[in-house]
Amino acid sequence: MPDAPIRNAANEGTPDDATLLEMYGKMVLSRTLDERIWMLNRQGKAAIVASSQGHEAAQIGSVYALRRGTDQFYIYYRDLAVMLSLGMTPCEIMLGFTAKTGEPLSGARQFPTHGAYPEIGLINLSNVIATQLPQAVGAALANRMKGSNAIVIAYFGDGASSFGDTHEAMNFAAVHRLPVVFMCENNKYATSVPQRWQMAVDSVASRAEGYGMPGITIDGCDVIAVYEAVSEAAARARIGDGPTLIEAQVERYLPHTSDDDDTRYRPRAEIEEARLRDPLKLFSDRLTSLGVLD
């Protein structure tokens, strides 16, 4: 099946060629930086790492679908590509991993990539799982009370979807029709626990019906599918139609963190199969087929 004409000017709201190339550049930058940080950790030169490899399309596609400089982003510990897409530099990221002066999130006083950078719309990231979700909902309520057109996006993993904070946040947001997008990056593992042992449903998105909000499952390795889904959810939120739960099915290529040994619970063949859905390769092939990338 031929690729959809994502660069057709008649398709309102789709990225133009320059934006597509910028998105691809951010994807490559995130992967390269992630690999370097992981290497430094193995050399004893960087603190604990939670790799984002395999998540890049979900993170970058969602950021580019929103209004940077206006909207607010509540991330979780695996969202390196979100931070880079919002304007953080590799140098700023590395200052956190090496505990150096000038790190903008927390002054290097917290875990790497934790803290806040409100100047770019990056609001506080706590290491306590799922706590960013009720915070995001509170920010969305504040935006409405102030008459702001800004929306909030809250990122979390499939493991966090089973936490009480998540359910309270979604219920409150749905009841009050708040302008928030819930973005679940489902890599099918909560640390070492596979999805089938975490939940009785087949998808996180299916839970949305119980809250009275739309829920959608998308290919989180397809950056354009992510862009389109988040764009639609953001448009709903801005006109007062309330929240949306998006489940982006992504892949986790490395252990949960640099302190984890995934050989104890994950077959190597499964990881090799997951790498066939590498978002960088998929996006590169698509841009090449469209004549955007040489």
C-alpha atoms as a PDB file:
ATOM      1  CA  MET A   1       0.000   0.000   0.000  1.00  0.00           C
ATOM      2  CA  PRO A   2       1.479   3.415  -0.922  1.00  0.00           C
ATOM      3  CA  ASP A   3       2.234   5.895   1.824  1.00  0.00           C
ATOM      4  CA  ALA A   4      -0.348   8.559   2.538  1.00  0.00           C
ATOM      5  CA  PRO A   5       0.466  11.958   0.982  1.00  0.00           C
ATOM      6  CA  ILE A   6       1.521  13.553   4.239  1.00  0.00           C
ATOM      7  CA  ARG A   7       3.216  16.496   2.516  1.00  0.00           C
ATOM      8  CA  ASN A   8       0.256  17.471   0.337  1.00  0.00           C
ATOM      9  CA  ALA A   9      -0.482  21.137   0.988  1.00  0.00           C
ATOM     10  CA  ALA A  10      -4.202  20.413   0.641  1.00  0.00           C
ATOM     11  CA  ASN A  11      -4.072  18.273   3.782  1.00  0.00           C
ATOM     12  CA  GLU A  12      -4.734  20.952   6.369  1.00  0.00           C
ATOM     13  CA  GLY A  13      -2.674  20.619   9.504  1.00  0.00           C
ATOM     14  CA  THR A  14      -0.146  18.102   8.189  1.00  0.00           C
ATOM     15  CA  PRO A  15       3.571  18.903   8.470  1.00  0.00           C
ATOM     16  CA  ASP A  16       5.332  20.417   5.465  1.00  0.00           C
ATOM     17  CA  ASP A  17       8.600  19.001   4.145  1.00  0.00           C
ATOM     18  CA  ALA A  18      10.773  21.249   6.302  1.00  0.00           C
ATOM     19  CA  THR A  19       8.906  20.213   9.439  1.00  0.00           C
ATOM     20  CA  LEU A  20       9.121  16.539   8.524  1.00  0.00           C
ATOM     21  CA  LEU A  21      12.889  16.842   8.153  1.00  0.00           C
ATOM     22  CA  GLU A  22      13.098  18.688  11.466  1.00  0.00           C
ATOM     23  CA  MET A  23      11.124  15.921  13.154  1.00  0.00           C
ATOM     24  CA  TYR A  24      13.409  13.306  11.657  1.00  0.00           C
ATOM     25  CA  GLY A  25      16.442  15.266  12.839  1.00  0.00           C
ATOM     26  CA  LYS A  26      15.082  15.337  16.389  1.00  0.00           C
ATOM     27  CA  MET A  27      14.482  11.603  16.199  1.00  0.00           C
ATOM     28  CA  VAL A  28      18.073  10.931  15.151  1.00  0.00           C
ATOM     29  CA  LEU A  29      19.379  13.348  17.786  1.00  0.00           C
ATOM     30  CA  SER A  30      17.386  11.658  20.533  1.00  0.00           C
ATOM     31  CA  ARG A  31      18.567   8.177  19.555  1.00  0.00           C
ATOM     32  CA  THR A  32      22.197   9.272  19.274  1.00  0.00           C
ATOM     33  CA  LEU A  33      22.152  11.082  22.607  1.00  0.00           C
ATOM     34  CA  ASP A  34      20.394   8.168  24.294  1.00  0.00           C
ATOM     35  CA  GLU A  35      23.021   5.742  23.008  1.00  0.00           C
ATOM     36  CA  ARG A  36      25.832   7.989  24.221  1.00  0.00           C
ATOM     37  CA  ILE A  37      24.303   8.387  27.692  1.00  0.00           C
ATOM     38  CA  TRP A  38      23.838   4.622  27.956  1.00  0.00           C
ATOM     39  CA  MET A  39      27.484   4.120  26.984  1.00  0.00           C
ATOM     40  CA  LEU A  40      28.659   6.635  29.582  1.00  0.00           C
ATOM     41  CA  ASN A  41      26.617   4.857  32.228  1.00  0.00           C
ATOM     42  CA  ARG A  42      28.303   1.566  31.380  1.00  0.00           C
ATOM     43  CA  GLN A  43      31.638   3.342  31.761  1.00  0.00           C
ATOM     44  CA  GLY A  44      30.651   4.596  35.203  1.00  0.00           C
ATOM     45  CA  LYS A  45      30.510   8.213  34.015  1.00  0.00           C
ATOM     46  CA  ALA A  46      26.742   8.860  34.046  1.00  0.00           C
ATOM     47  CA  ALA A  47      23.969   8.231  36.534  1.00  0.00           C
ATOM     48  CA  ILE A  48      21.005   5.887  36.129  1.00  0.00           C
ATOM     49  CA  VAL A  49      19.446   5.893  32.653  1.00  0.00           C
ATOM     50  CA  ALA A  50      15.907   5.064  31.485  1.00  0.00           C
ATOM     51  CA  SER A  51      16.315   4.692  27.735  1.00  0.00           C
ATOM     52  CA  SER A  52      13.799   6.159  25.298  1.00  0.00           C
ATOM     53  CA  GLN A  53      14.937   4.017  22.366  1.00  0.00           C
ATOM     54  CA  GLY A  54      11.823   2.802  20.541  1.00  0.00           C
ATOM     55  CA  HIS A  55       9.656   5.611  21.951  1.00  0.00           C
ATOM     56  CA  GLU A  56      10.939   8.444  19.759  1.00  0.00           C
ATOM     57  CA  ALA A  57       8.072   8.597  17.253  1.00  0.00           C
ATOM     58  CA  ALA A  58       5.409   8.761  19.964  1.00  0.00           C
ATOM     59  CA  GLN A  59       7.223  11.554  21.739  1.00  0.00           C
ATOM     60  CA  ILE A  60       8.221  13.684  18.763  1.00  0.00           C
ATOM     61  CA  GLY A  61       4.955  13.264  16.866  1.00  0.00           C
ATOM     62  CA  SER A  62       2.980  14.387  19.903  1.00  0.00           C
ATOM     63  CA  VAL A  63       5.111  17.463  20.601  1.00  0.00           C
ATOM     64  CA  TYR A  64       4.928  18.687  17.010  1.00  0.00           C
ATOM     65  CA  ALA A  65       1.136  18.310  17.026  1.00  0.00           C
ATOM     66  CA  LEU A  66       0.868  20.845  19.848  1.00  0.00           C
ATOM     67  CA  ARG A  67       1.677  24.518  20.329  1.00  0.00           C
ATOM     68  CA  ARG A  68       5.145  24.781  21.751  1.00  0.00           C
ATOM     69  CA  GLY A  69       5.447  27.905  23.851  1.00  0.00           C
ATOM     70  CA  THR A  70       1.749  27.798  24.779  1.00  0.00           C
ATOM     71  CA  ASP A  71       0.757  24.264  25.738  1.00  0.00           C
ATOM     72  CA  GLN A  72       2.080  22.506  28.829  1.00  0.00           C
ATOM     73  CA  PHE A  73       3.901  19.182  28.952  1.00  0.00           C
ATOM     74  CA  TYR A  74       3.895  16.800  31.911  1.00  0.00           C
ATOM     75  CA  ILE A  75       6.373  14.075  31.066  1.00  0.00           C
ATOM     76  CA  TYR A  76       7.692  10.914  32.656  1.00  0.00           C
ATOM     77  CA  TYR A  77      11.209   9.582  33.086  1.00  0.00           C
ATOM     78  CA  ARG A  78      11.543   8.032  29.601  1.00  0.00           C
ATOM     79  CA  ASP A  79      10.690  11.175  27.605  1.00  0.00           C
ATOM     80  CA  LEU A  80      14.088  12.315  26.329  1.00  0.00           C
ATOM     81  CA  ALA A  81      12.751  13.076  22.831  1.00  0.00           C
ATOM     82  CA  VAL A  82      10.003  15.278  24.286  1.00  0.00           C
ATOM     83  CA  MET A  83      12.595  17.389  26.082  1.00  0.00           C
ATOM     84  CA  LEU A  84      14.733  17.750  22.968  1.00  0.00           C
ATOM     85  CA  SER A  85      11.697  18.618  20.825  1.00  0.00           C
ATOM     86  CA  LEU A  86      10.707  21.343  23.278  1.00  0.00           C
ATOM     87  CA  GLY A  87      14.103  22.964  22.920  1.00  0.00           C
ATOM     88  CA  MET A  88      16.409  21.466  25.511  1.00  0.00           C
ATOM     89  CA  THR A  89      19.924  20.995  24.186  1.00  0.00           C
ATOM     90  CA  PRO A  90      22.061  17.862  24.438  1.00  0.00           C
ATOM     91  CA  CYS A  91      24.433  19.873  26.616  1.00  0.00           C
ATOM     92  CA  GLU A  92      21.642  20.695  29.078  1.00  0.00           C
ATOM     93  CA  ILE A  93      20.626  17.032  29.195  1.00  0.00           C
ATOM     94  CA  MET A  94      24.203  15.898  29.802  1.00  0.00           C
ATOM     95  CA  LEU A  95      24.644  18.379  32.637  1.00  0.00           C
ATOM     96  CA  GLY A  96      21.985  16.425  34.508  1.00  0.00           C
ATOM     97  CA  PHE A  97      23.530  13.023  33.875  1.00  0.00           C
ATOM     98  CA  THR A  98      26.935  14.255  35.015  1.00  0.00           C
ATOM     99  CA  ALA A  99      25.619  16.404  37.917  1.00  0.00           C
ATOM    100  CA  LYS A 100      27.140  19.633  36.654  1.00  0.00           C
ATOM    101  CA  THR A 101      26.360  23.258  37.421  1.00  0.00           C
ATOM    102  CA  GLY A 102      23.922  24.910  35.021  1.00  0.00           C
ATOM    103  CA  GLU A 103      21.546  21.979  34.570  1.00  0.00           C
ATOM    104  CA  PRO A 104      18.193  23.783  34.055  1.00  0.00           C
ATOM    105  CA  LEU A 105      15.688  21.243  35.392  1.00  0.00           C
ATOM    106  CA  SER A 106      16.803  21.034  39.012  1.00  0.00           C
ATOM    107  CA  GLY A 107      20.349  22.339  39.166  1.00  0.00           C
ATOM    108  CA  ALA A 108      21.423  18.668  38.994  1.00  0.00           C
ATOM    109  CA  ARG A 109      19.919  18.080  42.448  1.00  0.00           C
ATOM    110  CA  GLN A 110      17.455  15.386  41.331  1.00  0.00           C
ATOM    111  CA  PHE A 111      17.535  12.272  39.187  1.00  0.00           C
ATOM    112  CA  PRO A 112      18.686  13.069  35.637  1.00  0.00           C
ATOM    113  CA  THR A 113      15.890  14.587  33.470  1.00  0.00           C
ATOM    114  CA  HIS A 114      13.782  15.302  36.576  1.00  0.00           C
ATOM    115  CA  GLY A 115      12.602  18.751  37.590  1.00  0.00           C
ATOM    116  CA  ALA A 116      10.979  21.610  35.682  1.00  0.00           C
ATOM    117  CA  TYR A 117      11.782  23.946  32.794  1.00  0.00           C
ATOM    118  CA  PRO A 118       8.698  26.195  32.609  1.00  0.00           C
ATOM    119  CA  GLU A 119      10.310  28.521  30.066  1.00  0.00           C
ATOM    120  CA  ILE A 120       9.801  25.817  27.416  1.00  0.00           C
ATOM    121  CA  GLY A 121       6.515  24.467  28.803  1.00  0.00           C
ATOM    122  CA  LEU A 122       8.089  21.531  30.620  1.00  0.00           C
ATOM    123  CA  ILE A 123       6.409  21.287  33.997  1.00  0.00           C
ATOM    124  CA  ASN A 124       7.624  19.340  37.007  1.00  0.00           C
ATOM    125  CA  LEU A 125       8.615  15.700  36.591  1.00  0.00           C
ATOM    126  CA  SER A 126       8.567  13.675  39.793  1.00  0.00           C
ATOM    127  CA  ASN A 127      10.107  10.245  40.194  1.00  0.00           C
ATOM    128  CA  VAL A 128       6.912   9.029  41.887  1.00  0.00           C
ATOM    129  CA  ILE A 129       5.009   7.056  39.251  1.00  0.00           C
ATOM    130  CA  ALA A 130       1.786   8.613  37.861  1.00  0.00           C
ATOM    131  CA  THR A 131       1.864  11.733  40.048  1.00  0.00           C
ATOM    132  CA  GLN A 132       2.242  13.920  36.957  1.00  0.00           C
ATOM    133  CA  LEU A 133      -1.284  13.009  35.834  1.00  0.00           C
ATOM    134  CA  PRO A 134      -3.334  14.728  38.574  1.00  0.00           C
ATOM    135  CA  GLN A 135      -0.880  17.623  38.366  1.00  0.00           C
ATOM    136  CA  ALA A 136      -1.580  17.895  34.643  1.00  0.00           C
ATOM    137  CA  VAL A 137      -5.322  17.826  35.250  1.00  0.00           C
ATOM    138  CA  GLY A 138      -4.954  20.581  37.829  1.00  0.00           C
ATOM    139  CA  ALA A 139      -3.037  22.663  35.299  1.00  0.00           C
ATOM    140  CA  ALA A 140      -5.781  22.085  32.732  1.00  0.00           C
ATOM    141  CA  LEU A 141      -8.384  23.261  35.239  1.00  0.00           C
ATOM    142  CA  ALA A 142      -6.291  26.350  35.960  1.00  0.00           C
ATOM    143  CA  ASN A 143      -6.035  27.091  32.236  1.00  0.00           C
ATOM    144  CA  ARG A 144      -9.807  26.986  31.933  1.00  0.00           C
ATOM    145  CA  MET A 145     -10.307  29.224  34.958  1.00  0.00           C
ATOM    146  CA  LYS A 146      -7.865  31.758  33.492  1.00  0.00           C
ATOM    147  CA  GLY A 147      -9.569  31.679  30.100  1.00  0.00           C
ATOM    148  CA  SER A 148      -6.426  30.343  28.448  1.00  0.00           C
ATOM    149  CA  ASN A 149      -6.570  28.392  25.186  1.00  0.00           C
ATOM    150  CA  ALA A 150      -3.599  26.273  26.252  1.00  0.00           C
ATOM    151  CA  ILE A 151      -4.002  22.544  26.649  1.00  0.00           C
ATOM    152  CA  VAL A 152      -2.018  20.061  28.687  1.00  0.00           C
ATOM    153  CA  ILE A 153      -0.540  16.748  27.623  1.00  0.00           C
ATOM    154  CA  ALA A 154       0.403  14.142  30.219  1.00  0.00           C
ATOM    155  CA  TYR A 155       2.732  11.277  29.312  1.00  0.00           C
ATOM    156  CA  PHE A 156       2.914   7.986  31.188  1.00  0.00           C
ATOM    157  CA  GLY A 157       3.755   4.331  30.693  1.00  0.00           C
ATOM    158  CA  ASP A 158       1.526   1.280  30.699  1.00  0.00           C
ATOM    159  CA  GLY A 159       2.626   0.438  34.234  1.00  0.00           C
ATOM    160  CA  ALA A 160       1.465   3.837  35.473  1.00  0.00           C
ATOM    161  CA  SER A 161      -1.971   3.171  33.979  1.00  0.00           C
ATOM    162  CA  SER A 162      -2.647   0.817  36.905  1.00  0.00           C
ATOM    163  CA  PHE A 163      -1.935   3.438  39.568  1.00  0.00           C
ATOM    164  CA  GLY A 164      -4.703   5.154  41.495  1.00  0.00           C
ATOM    165  CA  ASP A 165      -3.479   8.628  40.566  1.00  0.00           C
ATOM    166  CA  THR A 166      -4.111   7.804  36.911  1.00  0.00           C
ATOM    167  CA  HIS A 167      -7.730   6.828  37.463  1.00  0.00           C
ATOM    168  CA  GLU A 168      -8.466   9.824  39.669  1.00  0.00           C
ATOM    169  CA  ALA A 169      -6.939  12.163  37.095  1.00  0.00           C
ATOM    170  CA  MET A 170      -8.885  10.699  34.178  1.00  0.00           C
ATOM    171  CA  ASN A 171     -12.164  10.650  36.058  1.00  0.00           C
ATOM    172  CA  PHE A 172     -11.831  14.281  37.176  1.00  0.00           C
ATOM    173  CA  ALA A 173     -10.759  15.430  33.703  1.00  0.00           C
ATOM    174  CA  ALA A 174     -13.683  13.662  32.050  1.00  0.00           C
ATOM    175  CA  VAL A 175     -16.289  14.904  34.535  1.00  0.00           C
ATOM    176  CA  HIS A 176     -15.162  18.510  34.062  1.00  0.00           C
ATOM    177  CA  ARG A 177     -14.348  18.148  30.333  1.00  0.00           C
ATOM    178  CA  LEU A 178     -10.888  19.580  30.853  1.00  0.00           C
ATOM    179  CA  PRO A 179      -8.451  20.388  28.015  1.00  0.00           C
ATOM    180  CA  VAL A 180      -5.982  17.571  28.565  1.00  0.00           C
ATOM    181  CA  VAL A 181      -4.541  14.778  26.422  1.00  0.00           C
ATOM    182  CA  PHE A 182      -3.499  11.593  28.209  1.00  0.00           C
ATOM    183  CA  MET A 183      -0.641  10.003  26.266  1.00  0.00           C
ATOM    184  CA  CYS A 184       0.171   6.432  27.273  1.00  0.00           C
ATOM    185  CA  GLU A 185       3.436   5.138  25.825  1.00  0.00           C
ATOM    186  CA  ASN A 186       2.720   1.420  26.033  1.00  0.00           C
ATOM    187  CA  ASN A 187       5.918  -0.590  25.592  1.00  0.00           C
ATOM    188  CA  LYS A 188       4.182  -3.640  27.043  1.00  0.00           C
ATOM    189  CA  TYR A 189       6.383  -3.914  30.128  1.00  0.00           C
ATOM    190  CA  ALA A 190       6.088  -2.312  33.556  1.00  0.00           C
ATOM    191  CA  THR A 191       9.714  -2.863  34.560  1.00  0.00           C
ATOM    192  CA  SER A 192       9.728  -6.685  34.303  1.00  0.00           C
ATOM    193  CA  VAL A 193       5.958  -7.256  34.329  1.00  0.00           C
ATOM    194  CA  PRO A 194       4.409  -7.900  30.891  1.00  0.00           C
ATOM    195  CA  GLN A 195       1.105  -6.316  29.973  1.00  0.00           C
ATOM    196  CA  ARG A 196      -0.871  -9.550  30.284  1.00  0.00           C
ATOM    197  CA  TRP A 197       0.008  -9.644  33.997  1.00  0.00           C
ATOM    198  CA  GLN A 198      -0.764  -5.960  34.549  1.00  0.00           C
ATOM    199  CA  MET A 199      -4.313  -5.703  33.278  1.00  0.00           C
ATOM    200  CA  ALA A 200      -7.258  -7.832  32.212  1.00  0.00           C
ATOM    201  CA  VAL A 201      -8.081  -5.667  29.181  1.00  0.00           C
ATOM    202  CA  ASP A 202      -6.359  -5.898  25.814  1.00  0.00           C
ATOM    203  CA  SER A 203      -5.543  -2.205  25.624  1.00  0.00           C
ATOM    204  CA  VAL A 204      -5.136   0.771  27.911  1.00  0.00           C
ATOM    205  CA  ALA A 205      -7.318   2.857  25.590  1.00  0.00           C
ATOM    206  CA  SER A 206     -10.325   0.610  26.216  1.00  0.00           C
ATOM    207  CA  ARG A 207     -10.514   2.020  29.735  1.00  0.00           C
ATOM    208  CA  ALA A 208     -11.492   5.433  28.367  1.00  0.00           C
ATOM    209  CA  GLU A 209     -15.092   4.362  27.825  1.00  0.00           C
ATOM    210  CA  GLY A 210     -15.544   3.888  31.553  1.00  0.00           C
ATOM    211  CA  TYR A 211     -14.601   7.518  32.135  1.00  0.00           C
ATOM    212  CA  GLY A 212     -16.752   8.862  29.323  1.00  0.00           C
ATOM    213  CA  MET A 213     -13.943  10.075  27.100  1.00  0.00           C
ATOM    214  CA  PRO A 214     -12.652   8.962  23.694  1.00  0.00           C
ATOM    215  CA  GLY A 215      -9.884   6.376  23.699  1.00  0.00           C
ATOM    216  CA  ILE A 216      -7.739   5.429  20.743  1.00  0.00           C
ATOM    217  CA  THR A 217      -4.915   2.951  20.170  1.00  0.00           C
ATOM    218  CA  ILE A 218      -2.323   3.920  17.564  1.00  0.00           C
ATOM    219  CA  ASP A 219       0.985   2.680  16.207  1.00  0.00           C
ATOM    220  CA  GLY A 220       3.406   4.630  18.368  1.00  0.00           C
ATOM    221  CA  CYS A 221       6.272   3.811  16.016  1.00  0.00           C
ATOM    222  CA  ASP A 222       4.549   5.767  13.210  1.00  0.00           C
ATOM    223  CA  VAL A 223       5.329   9.419  13.859  1.00  0.00           C
ATOM    224  CA  ILE A 224       2.654  10.655  11.443  1.00  0.00           C
ATOM    225  CA  ALA A 225      -0.054   8.481  12.998  1.00  0.00           C
ATOM    226  CA  VAL A 226       0.899   9.966  16.355  1.00  0.00           C
ATOM    227  CA  TYR A 227       0.907  13.510  14.974  1.00  0.00           C
ATOM    228  CA  GLU A 228      -2.565  13.085  13.498  1.00  0.00           C
ATOM    229  CA  ALA A 229      -4.069  11.474  16.610  1.00  0.00           C
ATOM    230  CA  VAL A 230      -2.692  14.101  18.971  1.00  0.00           C
ATOM    231  CA  SER A 231      -3.718  16.913  16.612  1.00  0.00           C
ATOM    232  CA  GLU A 232      -7.295  15.647  16.668  1.00  0.00           C
ATOM    233  CA  ALA A 233      -7.298  15.238  20.447  1.00  0.00           C
ATOM    234  CA  ALA A 234      -5.853  18.729  20.896  1.00  0.00           C
ATOM    235  CA  ALA A 235      -8.490  20.234  18.614  1.00  0.00           C
ATOM    236  CA  ARG A 236     -11.236  18.585  20.683  1.00  0.00           C
ATOM    237  CA  ALA A 237      -9.708  19.865  23.891  1.00  0.00           C
ATOM    238  CA  ARG A 238      -9.389  23.452  22.647  1.00  0.00           C
ATOM    239  CA  ILE A 239     -13.066  23.743  21.763  1.00  0.00           C
ATOM    240  CA  GLY A 240     -14.195  22.390  25.125  1.00  0.00           C
ATOM    241  CA  ASP A 241     -14.954  18.796  24.165  1.00  0.00           C
ATOM    242  CA  GLY A 242     -12.809  17.411  26.958  1.00  0.00           C
ATOM    243  CA  PRO A 243      -9.959  14.943  27.323  1.00  0.00           C
ATOM    244  CA  THR A 244      -8.781  12.062  25.164  1.00  0.00           C
ATOM    245  CA  LEU A 245      -6.816   8.953  26.099  1.00  0.00           C
ATOM    246  CA  ILE A 246      -4.278   7.954  23.444  1.00  0.00           C
ATOM    247  CA  GLU A 247      -2.458   4.646  23.724  1.00  0.00           C
ATOM    248  CA  ALA A 248       0.674   4.704  21.570  1.00  0.00           C
ATOM    249  CA  GLN A 249       2.010   1.186  21.142  1.00  0.00           C
ATOM    250  CA  VAL A 250       5.781   1.522  21.209  1.00  0.00           C
ATOM    251  CA  GLU A 251       8.771  -0.753  21.741  1.00  0.00           C
ATOM    252  CA  ARG A 252      11.351  -0.889  24.509  1.00  0.00           C
ATOM    253  CA  TYR A 253      14.694  -1.986  23.135  1.00  0.00           C
ATOM    254  CA  LEU A 254      16.785  -1.879  26.306  1.00  0.00           C
ATOM    255  CA  PRO A 255      16.269  -2.874  29.946  1.00  0.00           C
ATOM    256  CA  HIS A 256      13.847  -0.858  32.068  1.00  0.00           C
ATOM    257  CA  THR A 257      16.784   1.179  33.332  1.00  0.00           C
ATOM    258  CA  SER A 258      20.538   0.810  33.362  1.00  0.00           C
ATOM    259  CA  ASP A 259      20.151  -0.941  36.746  1.00  0.00           C
ATOM    260  CA  ASP A 260      17.873  -3.631  35.292  1.00  0.00           C
ATOM    261  CA  ASP A 261      18.778  -7.017  33.780  1.00  0.00           C
ATOM    262  CA  ASP A 262      16.096  -7.823  31.233  1.00  0.00           C
ATOM    263  CA  THR A 263      17.720 -11.148  30.266  1.00  0.00           C
ATOM    264  CA  ARG A 264      16.017 -12.563  33.361  1.00  0.00           C
ATOM    265  CA  TYR A 265      12.503 -12.033  32.015  1.00  0.00           C
ATOM    266  CA  ARG A 266      12.552 -11.094  28.335  1.00  0.00           C
ATOM    267  CA  PRO A 267      13.427 -13.394  25.392  1.00  0.00           C
ATOM    268  CA  ARG A 268      16.089 -12.042  23.026  1.00  0.00           C
ATOM    269  CA  ALA A 269      13.943 -13.080  20.048  1.00  0.00           C
ATOM    270  CA  GLU A 270      11.204 -10.745  21.259  1.00  0.00           C
ATOM    271  CA  ILE A 271      13.581  -7.781  21.247  1.00  0.00           C
ATOM    272  CA  GLU A 272      14.895  -8.678  17.800  1.00  0.00           C
ATOM    273  CA  GLU A 273      11.331  -8.748  16.504  1.00  0.00           C
ATOM    274  CA  ALA A 274      10.594  -5.400  18.156  1.00  0.00           C
ATOM    275  CA  ARG A 275      13.574  -3.835  16.406  1.00  0.00           C
ATOM    276  CA  LEU A 276      11.885  -4.526  13.068  1.00  0.00           C
ATOM    277  CA  ARG A 277       9.553  -1.671  14.078  1.00  0.00           C
ATOM    278  CA  ASP A 278      12.340   0.810  14.697  1.00  0.00           C
ATOM    279  CA  PRO A 279      10.664   4.242  14.370  1.00  0.00           C
ATOM    280  CA  LEU A 280      13.804   5.795  12.874  1.00  0.00           C
ATOM    281  CA  LYS A 281      13.952   3.250  10.072  1.00  0.00           C
ATOM    282  CA  LEU A 282      10.214   3.448   9.421  1.00  0.00           C
ATOM    283  CA  PHE A 283      10.256   7.252   9.217  1.00  0.00           C
ATOM    284  CA  SER A 284      13.418   7.313   7.110  1.00  0.00           C
ATOM    285  CA  ASP A 285      11.910   4.874   4.614  1.00  0.00           C
ATOM    286  CA  ARG A 286       8.703   6.880   4.422  1.00  0.00           C
ATOM    287  CA  LEU A 287      10.453  10.196   3.854  1.00  0.00           C
ATOM    288  CA  THR A 288      12.644   8.610   1.198  1.00  0.00           C
ATOM    289  CA  SER A 289       9.627   7.189  -0.619  1.00  0.00           C
ATOM    290  CA  LEU A 290       8.068  10.661  -0.614  1.00  0.00           C
ATOM    291  CA  GLY A 291      11.199  12.311  -1.947  1.00  0.00           C
ATOM    292  CA  VAL A 292      11.667  14.361   1.213  1.00  0.00           C
ATOM    293  CA  LEU A 293      14.842  12.557   2.289  1.00  0.00           C
ATOM    294  CA  ASP A 294      17.639  11.535  -0.057  1.00  0.00           C
END
